[in-house]
Amino acid sequence: MIPFLFAAVAAAASPQPAAAAASPLALTTTMLAETRVPAADGSVTMKLAAPNHVGPGDRVVVQLAYRNRGTAPIAGLVLANPVPNGLAYRGPRGAGAAPEVSVDGRTFGPLSTLRVPAVAGGTRPATADDVTHVRWRLNSPVTAGTGGELAFQAIVR
């Protein structure tokens, strides 16, 4: 285990303001470690908790919580989160539409449609290890006083 690595990764995941400081949209990024919890019957369940230490290969969940603190609905909301340095994207977490991903922070889409430069020249298909940003488009307006959570799975590099 690498102590304190998680704190550095968590600091890198702090969301940027969606708009000016007076924005009614509140965003919070949280990282949780995925741990196995054995049950008395021999089965194993996965539990998410704030970790003290994480190391290479440990599984984490990056969770983006959003809330409309305003008095009017927010429509057409697009929420993007960078994949923190030290983590490798592994896929969406939870129900709902899969997020769009990016390998450069500018072009988003399904992972299967993205390409990256190849070592020998040209390009190659992008893999989950190449993902640098994750983005969700909310189809429904976020009404005043409501919010939700979006998440993706990652591993510590």
N, C-alpha and C. Protein backbone atom coordinates (compact mmCIF):
# COMPACT_ATOMS: atom_id res chain seq x y z
N MET A 1 0.83 -1.19 0.00
CA MET A 1 0.00 0.00 0.00
C MET A 1 0.87 1.25 0.00
N ILE A 2 0.39 2.28 -0.66
CA ILE A 2 1.12 3.55 -0.70
C ILE A 2 0.34 4.54 0.16
N PRO A 3 0.85 4.89 1.35
CA PRO A 3 0.11 5.83 2.19
C PRO A 3 0.06 7.22 1.56
N PHE A 4 -1.00 7.91 1.80
CA PHE A 4 -1.20 9.29 1.38
C PHE A 4 -1.34 9.49 -0.12
N LEU A 5 -1.16 8.48 -0.94
CA LEU A 5 -1.37 8.64 -2.37
C LEU A 5 -2.80 9.06 -2.64
N PHE A 6 -3.74 8.52 -1.90
CA PHE A 6 -5.13 8.81 -2.15
C PHE A 6 -5.44 10.29 -1.94
N ALA A 7 -4.82 10.91 -0.95
CA ALA A 7 -5.07 12.33 -0.71
C ALA A 7 -4.63 13.16 -1.91
N ALA A 8 -3.50 12.81 -2.51
CA ALA A 8 -3.02 13.55 -3.68
C ALA A 8 -3.97 13.35 -4.85
N VAL A 9 -4.45 12.13 -5.03
CA VAL A 9 -5.39 11.85 -6.12
C VAL A 9 -6.69 12.59 -5.88
N ALA A 10 -7.16 12.62 -4.63
CA ALA A 10 -8.42 13.31 -4.31
C ALA A 10 -8.31 14.80 -4.58
N ALA A 11 -7.17 15.40 -4.25
CA ALA A 11 -6.99 16.82 -4.50
C ALA A 11 -7.02 17.11 -5.99
N ALA A 12 -6.50 16.21 -6.80
CA ALA A 12 -6.49 16.40 -8.24
C ALA A 12 -7.88 16.31 -8.84
N ALA A 13 -8.81 15.70 -8.13
CA ALA A 13 -10.15 15.48 -8.66
C ALA A 13 -11.12 16.59 -8.31
N SER A 14 -10.68 17.61 -7.61
CA SER A 14 -11.59 18.69 -7.23
C SER A 14 -12.21 19.29 -8.47
N PRO A 15 -13.54 19.41 -8.50
CA PRO A 15 -14.19 19.91 -9.69
C PRO A 15 -13.94 21.39 -9.89
N GLN A 16 -13.95 21.80 -11.15
CA GLN A 16 -13.86 23.21 -11.48
C GLN A 16 -15.26 23.77 -11.43
N PRO A 17 -15.41 25.05 -11.07
CA PRO A 17 -16.75 25.63 -11.04
C PRO A 17 -17.41 25.52 -12.41
N ALA A 18 -18.69 25.19 -12.43
CA ALA A 18 -19.42 25.04 -13.68
C ALA A 18 -19.67 26.41 -14.32
N ALA A 19 -19.74 27.43 -13.54
CA ALA A 19 -19.96 28.78 -14.05
C ALA A 19 -19.43 29.75 -13.01
N ALA A 20 -19.93 30.96 -13.03
CA ALA A 20 -19.49 31.97 -12.08
C ALA A 20 -19.80 31.54 -10.65
N ALA A 21 -19.17 32.20 -9.69
CA ALA A 21 -19.32 31.84 -8.29
C ALA A 21 -20.78 31.87 -7.84
N ALA A 22 -21.63 32.63 -8.50
CA ALA A 22 -23.03 32.74 -8.11
C ALA A 22 -23.88 31.63 -8.71
N SER A 23 -23.28 30.65 -9.31
CA SER A 23 -24.02 29.57 -9.96
C SER A 23 -24.89 28.81 -8.95
N PRO A 24 -26.10 28.46 -9.36
CA PRO A 24 -26.94 27.66 -8.47
C PRO A 24 -26.52 26.19 -8.44
N LEU A 25 -25.58 25.80 -9.29
CA LEU A 25 -25.16 24.40 -9.37
C LEU A 25 -24.01 24.14 -8.41
N ALA A 26 -24.19 23.19 -7.53
CA ALA A 26 -23.13 22.77 -6.61
C ALA A 26 -22.60 21.42 -7.06
N LEU A 27 -21.28 21.29 -7.16
CA LEU A 27 -20.64 20.05 -7.58
C LEU A 27 -19.64 19.60 -6.52
N THR A 28 -19.62 18.31 -6.25
CA THR A 28 -18.66 17.75 -5.30
C THR A 28 -18.14 16.44 -5.85
N THR A 29 -16.83 16.28 -5.91
CA THR A 29 -16.22 15.03 -6.34
C THR A 29 -15.69 14.31 -5.11
N THR A 30 -16.03 13.03 -5.00
CA THR A 30 -15.59 12.21 -3.88
C THR A 30 -14.97 10.93 -4.45
N MET A 31 -13.93 10.46 -3.80
CA MET A 31 -13.35 9.17 -4.19
C MET A 31 -13.50 8.18 -3.05
N LEU A 32 -13.92 7.00 -3.41
CA LEU A 32 -14.14 5.94 -2.45
C LEU A 32 -13.38 4.70 -2.88
N ALA A 33 -12.89 3.96 -1.92
CA ALA A 33 -12.19 2.71 -2.22
C ALA A 33 -13.20 1.57 -2.19
N GLU A 34 -13.01 0.62 -3.06
CA GLU A 34 -13.87 -0.56 -3.14
C GLU A 34 -13.17 -1.67 -2.37
N THR A 35 -13.82 -2.19 -1.34
CA THR A 35 -13.24 -3.26 -0.55
C THR A 35 -14.19 -4.45 -0.48
N ARG A 36 -13.62 -5.62 -0.35
CA ARG A 36 -14.42 -6.85 -0.25
C ARG A 36 -14.73 -7.10 1.22
N VAL A 37 -16.00 -7.40 1.48
CA VAL A 37 -16.45 -7.69 2.84
C VAL A 37 -17.03 -9.10 2.86
N PRO A 38 -16.35 -10.05 3.53
CA PRO A 38 -16.87 -11.41 3.58
C PRO A 38 -18.06 -11.50 4.53
N ALA A 39 -19.05 -12.29 4.13
CA ALA A 39 -20.23 -12.52 4.96
C ALA A 39 -20.10 -13.88 5.65
N ALA A 40 -20.92 -14.09 6.66
CA ALA A 40 -20.89 -15.34 7.43
C ALA A 40 -21.18 -16.55 6.55
N ASP A 41 -21.97 -16.38 5.48
CA ASP A 41 -22.32 -17.50 4.62
C ASP A 41 -21.25 -17.81 3.57
N GLY A 42 -20.14 -17.06 3.61
CA GLY A 42 -19.05 -17.30 2.67
C GLY A 42 -19.10 -16.41 1.44
N SER A 43 -20.20 -15.72 1.25
CA SER A 43 -20.28 -14.81 0.10
C SER A 43 -19.46 -13.55 0.38
N VAL A 44 -19.21 -12.80 -0.66
CA VAL A 44 -18.44 -11.57 -0.53
C VAL A 44 -19.24 -10.43 -1.17
N THR A 45 -19.36 -9.33 -0.46
CA THR A 45 -20.00 -8.15 -1.02
C THR A 45 -18.95 -7.04 -1.12
N MET A 46 -19.20 -6.10 -1.99
CA MET A 46 -18.30 -4.97 -2.17
C MET A 46 -18.85 -3.78 -1.39
N LYS A 47 -17.97 -3.10 -0.69
CA LYS A 47 -18.36 -1.94 0.11
C LYS A 47 -17.51 -0.75 -0.33
N LEU A 48 -18.13 0.42 -0.40
CA LEU A 48 -17.41 1.64 -0.72
C LEU A 48 -17.21 2.45 0.55
N ALA A 49 -15.99 2.92 0.76
CA ALA A 49 -15.68 3.72 1.94
C ALA A 49 -14.51 4.63 1.64
N ALA A 50 -14.41 5.71 2.40
CA ALA A 50 -13.26 6.60 2.26
C ALA A 50 -12.03 5.83 2.73
N PRO A 51 -11.02 5.74 1.89
CA PRO A 51 -9.84 4.95 2.25
C PRO A 51 -8.81 5.74 3.03
N ASN A 52 -8.00 5.02 3.78
CA ASN A 52 -6.85 5.63 4.44
C ASN A 52 -5.63 5.51 3.54
N HIS A 53 -5.51 4.40 2.87
CA HIS A 53 -4.36 4.12 2.02
C HIS A 53 -4.84 3.37 0.78
N VAL A 54 -4.25 3.68 -0.35
CA VAL A 54 -4.48 2.90 -1.56
C VAL A 54 -3.13 2.72 -2.25
N GLY A 55 -3.06 1.68 -3.05
CA GLY A 55 -1.83 1.40 -3.78
C GLY A 55 -2.15 0.90 -5.17
N PRO A 56 -1.13 0.66 -5.97
CA PRO A 56 -1.34 0.19 -7.33
C PRO A 56 -2.26 -1.03 -7.39
N GLY A 57 -3.22 -0.97 -8.29
CA GLY A 57 -4.17 -2.06 -8.47
C GLY A 57 -5.42 -1.96 -7.63
N ASP A 58 -5.43 -1.08 -6.63
CA ASP A 58 -6.64 -0.92 -5.81
C ASP A 58 -7.75 -0.29 -6.64
N ARG A 59 -8.97 -0.75 -6.41
CA ARG A 59 -10.14 -0.25 -7.13
C ARG A 59 -10.76 0.92 -6.37
N VAL A 60 -11.09 1.98 -7.11
CA VAL A 60 -11.74 3.13 -6.52
C VAL A 60 -12.93 3.54 -7.38
N VAL A 61 -13.81 4.33 -6.78
CA VAL A 61 -14.95 4.90 -7.49
C VAL A 61 -14.85 6.42 -7.35
N VAL A 62 -14.92 7.11 -8.48
CA VAL A 62 -14.93 8.57 -8.49
C VAL A 62 -16.39 8.97 -8.67
N GLN A 63 -16.91 9.69 -7.68
CA GLN A 63 -18.33 10.03 -7.65
C GLN A 63 -18.50 11.54 -7.76
N LEU A 64 -19.33 11.97 -8.68
CA LEU A 64 -19.63 13.38 -8.88
C LEU A 64 -21.08 13.62 -8.44
N ALA A 65 -21.23 14.39 -7.36
CA ALA A 65 -22.57 14.74 -6.87
C ALA A 65 -22.90 16.15 -7.37
N TYR A 66 -24.13 16.33 -7.80
CA TYR A 66 -24.57 17.65 -8.27
C TYR A 66 -25.89 18.00 -7.59
N ARG A 67 -26.08 19.29 -7.38
CA ARG A 67 -27.30 19.75 -6.72
C ARG A 67 -27.65 21.14 -7.24
N ASN A 68 -28.92 21.34 -7.55
CA ASN A 68 -29.42 22.65 -7.97
C ASN A 68 -29.85 23.40 -6.71
N ARG A 69 -29.03 24.38 -6.30
CA ARG A 69 -29.34 25.19 -5.12
C ARG A 69 -30.20 26.40 -5.46
N GLY A 70 -30.52 26.54 -6.72
CA GLY A 70 -31.29 27.70 -7.17
C GLY A 70 -32.79 27.50 -7.04
N THR A 71 -33.52 28.43 -7.64
CA THR A 71 -34.99 28.39 -7.57
C THR A 71 -35.63 28.01 -8.90
N ALA A 72 -34.81 27.87 -9.95
CA ALA A 72 -35.32 27.51 -11.28
C ALA A 72 -34.63 26.23 -11.75
N PRO A 73 -35.29 25.47 -12.62
CA PRO A 73 -34.65 24.26 -13.17
C PRO A 73 -33.42 24.61 -13.99
N ILE A 74 -32.48 23.68 -14.05
CA ILE A 74 -31.30 23.82 -14.89
C ILE A 74 -31.43 22.77 -15.99
N ALA A 75 -31.55 23.21 -17.23
CA ALA A 75 -31.73 22.30 -18.36
C ALA A 75 -30.44 22.21 -19.17
N GLY A 76 -30.31 21.13 -19.91
CA GLY A 76 -29.17 20.97 -20.81
C GLY A 76 -27.85 20.82 -20.08
N LEU A 77 -27.86 20.25 -18.91
CA LEU A 77 -26.65 20.16 -18.10
C LEU A 77 -25.70 19.09 -18.62
N VAL A 78 -24.45 19.48 -18.79
CA VAL A 78 -23.38 18.58 -19.19
C VAL A 78 -22.33 18.66 -18.09
N LEU A 79 -22.02 17.52 -17.47
CA LEU A 79 -21.06 17.47 -16.37
C LEU A 79 -19.85 16.65 -16.79
N ALA A 80 -18.68 17.24 -16.67
CA ALA A 80 -17.44 16.54 -17.03
C ALA A 80 -16.52 16.49 -15.83
N ASN A 81 -15.78 15.41 -15.73
CA ASN A 81 -14.82 15.24 -14.64
C ASN A 81 -13.54 14.67 -15.22
N PRO A 82 -12.39 15.25 -14.89
CA PRO A 82 -11.14 14.63 -15.34
C PRO A 82 -10.89 13.34 -14.57
N VAL A 83 -10.19 12.43 -15.19
CA VAL A 83 -9.72 11.23 -14.49
C VAL A 83 -8.45 11.68 -13.78
N PRO A 84 -8.44 11.66 -12.46
CA PRO A 84 -7.28 12.17 -11.72
C PRO A 84 -5.99 11.44 -12.09
N ASN A 85 -4.89 12.18 -12.08
CA ASN A 85 -3.58 11.56 -12.29
C ASN A 85 -3.41 10.45 -11.26
N GLY A 86 -2.81 9.38 -11.67
CA GLY A 86 -2.62 8.25 -10.77
C GLY A 86 -3.73 7.23 -10.82
N LEU A 87 -4.81 7.54 -11.58
CA LEU A 87 -5.91 6.59 -11.74
C LEU A 87 -6.06 6.22 -13.20
N ALA A 88 -6.56 5.02 -13.45
CA ALA A 88 -6.89 4.57 -14.80
C ALA A 88 -8.39 4.26 -14.84
N TYR A 89 -9.08 4.87 -15.78
CA TYR A 89 -10.53 4.67 -15.96
C TYR A 89 -10.81 3.20 -16.26
N ARG A 90 -11.88 2.67 -15.69
CA ARG A 90 -12.27 1.29 -15.96
C ARG A 90 -13.70 1.14 -16.45
N GLY A 91 -14.54 2.14 -16.28
CA GLY A 91 -15.89 2.05 -16.81
C GLY A 91 -16.88 2.79 -15.94
N PRO A 92 -18.12 2.88 -16.43
CA PRO A 92 -19.16 3.56 -15.65
C PRO A 92 -19.53 2.75 -14.41
N ARG A 93 -20.12 3.39 -13.46
CA ARG A 93 -20.61 2.70 -12.26
C ARG A 93 -22.05 3.13 -12.04
N GLY A 94 -22.89 2.16 -11.77
CA GLY A 94 -24.28 2.46 -11.48
C GLY A 94 -25.16 2.40 -12.72
N ALA A 95 -26.43 2.58 -12.45
CA ALA A 95 -27.43 2.53 -13.52
C ALA A 95 -27.43 3.84 -14.29
N GLY A 96 -28.07 3.83 -15.40
CA GLY A 96 -28.18 5.03 -16.21
C GLY A 96 -27.33 4.93 -17.45
N ALA A 97 -27.36 6.00 -18.20
CA ALA A 97 -26.62 6.04 -19.45
C ALA A 97 -25.12 6.03 -19.20
N ALA A 98 -24.41 5.34 -20.05
CA ALA A 98 -22.95 5.32 -19.95
C ALA A 98 -22.43 6.71 -20.29
N PRO A 99 -21.39 7.14 -19.60
CA PRO A 99 -20.85 8.46 -19.91
C PRO A 99 -20.08 8.45 -21.22
N GLU A 100 -19.89 9.62 -21.77
CA GLU A 100 -18.97 9.79 -22.88
C GLU A 100 -17.59 9.94 -22.28
N VAL A 101 -16.57 9.53 -23.01
CA VAL A 101 -15.20 9.65 -22.51
C VAL A 101 -14.36 10.41 -23.52
N SER A 102 -13.19 10.87 -23.06
CA SER A 102 -12.27 11.60 -23.93
C SER A 102 -10.85 11.14 -23.63
N VAL A 103 -10.02 11.18 -24.64
CA VAL A 103 -8.60 10.85 -24.47
C VAL A 103 -7.74 12.11 -24.58
N ASP A 104 -8.40 13.27 -24.80
CA ASP A 104 -7.66 14.52 -24.91
C ASP A 104 -8.34 15.70 -24.22
N GLY A 105 -9.51 15.49 -23.62
CA GLY A 105 -10.23 16.56 -22.94
C GLY A 105 -11.04 17.45 -23.86
N ARG A 106 -11.01 17.18 -25.17
CA ARG A 106 -11.74 18.00 -26.13
C ARG A 106 -12.79 17.20 -26.91
N THR A 107 -12.42 16.02 -27.36
CA THR A 107 -13.30 15.18 -28.17
C THR A 107 -13.87 14.08 -27.28
N PHE A 108 -15.21 13.99 -27.23
CA PHE A 108 -15.88 13.00 -26.38
C PHE A 108 -16.72 12.06 -27.23
N GLY A 109 -16.89 10.85 -26.74
CA GLY A 109 -17.74 9.87 -27.40
C GLY A 109 -17.56 8.53 -26.74
N PRO A 110 -18.19 7.48 -27.30
CA PRO A 110 -17.97 6.13 -26.79
C PRO A 110 -16.50 5.75 -26.98
N LEU A 111 -15.95 5.01 -26.04
CA LEU A 111 -14.54 4.63 -26.11
C LEU A 111 -14.21 3.95 -27.43
N SER A 112 -15.13 3.16 -27.95
CA SER A 112 -14.88 2.41 -29.18
C SER A 112 -14.67 3.30 -30.41
N THR A 113 -15.03 4.58 -30.31
CA THR A 113 -14.89 5.49 -31.45
C THR A 113 -13.63 6.36 -31.36
N LEU A 114 -12.89 6.28 -30.27
CA LEU A 114 -11.75 7.16 -30.06
C LEU A 114 -10.43 6.50 -30.46
N ARG A 115 -9.50 7.33 -30.92
CA ARG A 115 -8.18 6.85 -31.33
C ARG A 115 -7.12 7.73 -30.69
N VAL A 116 -5.94 7.15 -30.51
CA VAL A 116 -4.79 7.86 -29.94
C VAL A 116 -3.57 7.61 -30.80
N PRO A 117 -2.57 8.48 -30.69
CA PRO A 117 -1.35 8.26 -31.47
C PRO A 117 -0.69 6.92 -31.10
N ALA A 118 -0.20 6.22 -32.10
CA ALA A 118 0.50 4.95 -31.88
C ALA A 118 1.99 5.22 -31.76
N VAL A 119 2.68 4.37 -31.03
CA VAL A 119 4.12 4.52 -30.83
C VAL A 119 4.87 4.50 -32.15
N ALA A 120 4.47 3.63 -33.05
CA ALA A 120 5.16 3.48 -34.34
C ALA A 120 4.63 4.45 -35.41
N GLY A 121 3.84 5.43 -35.00
CA GLY A 121 3.25 6.36 -35.96
C GLY A 121 1.81 5.99 -36.25
N GLY A 122 1.09 6.89 -36.81
CA GLY A 122 -0.32 6.65 -37.09
C GLY A 122 -1.13 6.70 -35.79
N THR A 123 -2.25 5.98 -35.78
CA THR A 123 -3.09 5.94 -34.59
C THR A 123 -3.49 4.51 -34.29
N ARG A 124 -3.99 4.31 -33.10
CA ARG A 124 -4.51 3.01 -32.67
C ARG A 124 -5.82 3.26 -31.93
N PRO A 125 -6.66 2.22 -31.79
CA PRO A 125 -7.88 2.39 -31.00
C PRO A 125 -7.53 2.73 -29.55
N ALA A 126 -8.28 3.64 -28.96
CA ALA A 126 -8.07 4.01 -27.56
C ALA A 126 -8.54 2.88 -26.65
N THR A 127 -7.91 2.77 -25.50
CA THR A 127 -8.31 1.80 -24.47
C THR A 127 -8.72 2.58 -23.23
N ALA A 128 -9.26 1.89 -22.25
CA ALA A 128 -9.66 2.53 -21.00
C ALA A 128 -8.48 3.24 -20.34
N ASP A 129 -7.27 2.71 -20.49
CA ASP A 129 -6.08 3.36 -19.91
C ASP A 129 -5.80 4.73 -20.52
N ASP A 130 -6.31 5.01 -21.71
CA ASP A 130 -6.08 6.28 -22.39
C ASP A 130 -7.07 7.37 -21.98
N VAL A 131 -8.14 7.03 -21.29
CA VAL A 131 -9.21 7.98 -20.97
C VAL A 131 -8.69 9.04 -19.99
N THR A 132 -8.92 10.31 -20.33
CA THR A 132 -8.50 11.43 -19.48
C THR A 132 -9.66 12.19 -18.87
N HIS A 133 -10.85 12.09 -19.46
CA HIS A 133 -12.03 12.81 -18.98
C HIS A 133 -13.28 11.96 -19.17
N VAL A 134 -14.25 12.18 -18.30
CA VAL A 134 -15.54 11.49 -18.35
C VAL A 134 -16.62 12.57 -18.33
N ARG A 135 -17.64 12.41 -19.19
CA ARG A 135 -18.68 13.44 -19.30
C ARG A 135 -20.06 12.79 -19.39
N TRP A 136 -21.02 13.41 -18.70
CA TRP A 136 -22.41 12.96 -18.75
C TRP A 136 -23.27 14.11 -19.23
N ARG A 137 -24.25 13.78 -20.07
CA ARG A 137 -25.26 14.74 -20.52
C ARG A 137 -26.57 14.35 -19.83
N LEU A 138 -27.13 15.27 -19.06
CA LEU A 138 -28.39 14.98 -18.37
C LEU A 138 -29.55 15.33 -19.29
N ASN A 139 -30.38 14.35 -19.57
CA ASN A 139 -31.49 14.54 -20.51
C ASN A 139 -32.65 15.33 -19.92
N SER A 140 -32.80 15.27 -18.60
CA SER A 140 -33.91 15.97 -17.95
C SER A 140 -33.38 17.15 -17.15
N PRO A 141 -34.17 18.22 -17.07
CA PRO A 141 -33.74 19.36 -16.25
C PRO A 141 -33.59 18.94 -14.78
N VAL A 142 -32.67 19.59 -14.09
CA VAL A 142 -32.49 19.37 -12.65
C VAL A 142 -33.32 20.44 -11.96
N THR A 143 -34.41 20.02 -11.33
CA THR A 143 -35.31 20.98 -10.70
C THR A 143 -34.69 21.58 -9.44
N ALA A 144 -35.20 22.71 -9.04
CA ALA A 144 -34.69 23.41 -7.86
C ALA A 144 -34.72 22.49 -6.64
N GLY A 145 -33.62 22.49 -5.91
CA GLY A 145 -33.53 21.70 -4.68
C GLY A 145 -33.22 20.23 -4.88
N THR A 146 -33.03 19.80 -6.11
CA THR A 146 -32.74 18.38 -6.35
C THR A 146 -31.33 18.22 -6.92
N GLY A 147 -30.93 16.98 -7.03
CA GLY A 147 -29.62 16.68 -7.58
C GLY A 147 -29.48 15.20 -7.79
N GLY A 148 -28.26 14.76 -7.90
CA GLY A 148 -28.02 13.34 -8.11
C GLY A 148 -26.54 13.04 -8.03
N GLU A 149 -26.19 11.80 -8.36
CA GLU A 149 -24.80 11.37 -8.33
C GLU A 149 -24.50 10.57 -9.60
N LEU A 150 -23.32 10.78 -10.11
CA LEU A 150 -22.81 10.05 -11.26
C LEU A 150 -21.46 9.50 -10.83
N ALA A 151 -21.06 8.35 -11.38
CA ALA A 151 -19.79 7.78 -10.93
C ALA A 151 -19.15 6.94 -12.01
N PHE A 152 -17.84 6.79 -11.87
CA PHE A 152 -17.11 5.86 -12.72
C PHE A 152 -16.10 5.10 -11.88
N GLN A 153 -15.74 3.92 -12.38
CA GLN A 153 -14.79 3.05 -11.71
C GLN A 153 -13.40 3.31 -12.25
N ALA A 154 -12.40 3.16 -11.38
CA ALA A 154 -11.02 3.34 -11.79
C ALA A 154 -10.14 2.44 -10.92
N ILE A 155 -8.88 2.31 -11.33
CA ILE A 155 -7.91 1.62 -10.49
C ILE A 155 -6.71 2.55 -10.30
N VAL A 156 -6.01 2.34 -9.20
CA VAL A 156 -4.80 3.12 -8.94
C VAL A 156 -3.70 2.56 -9.82
N ARG A 157 -3.02 3.44 -10.54
CA ARG A 157 -1.91 3.01 -11.43
C ARG A 157 -0.72 2.61 -10.61
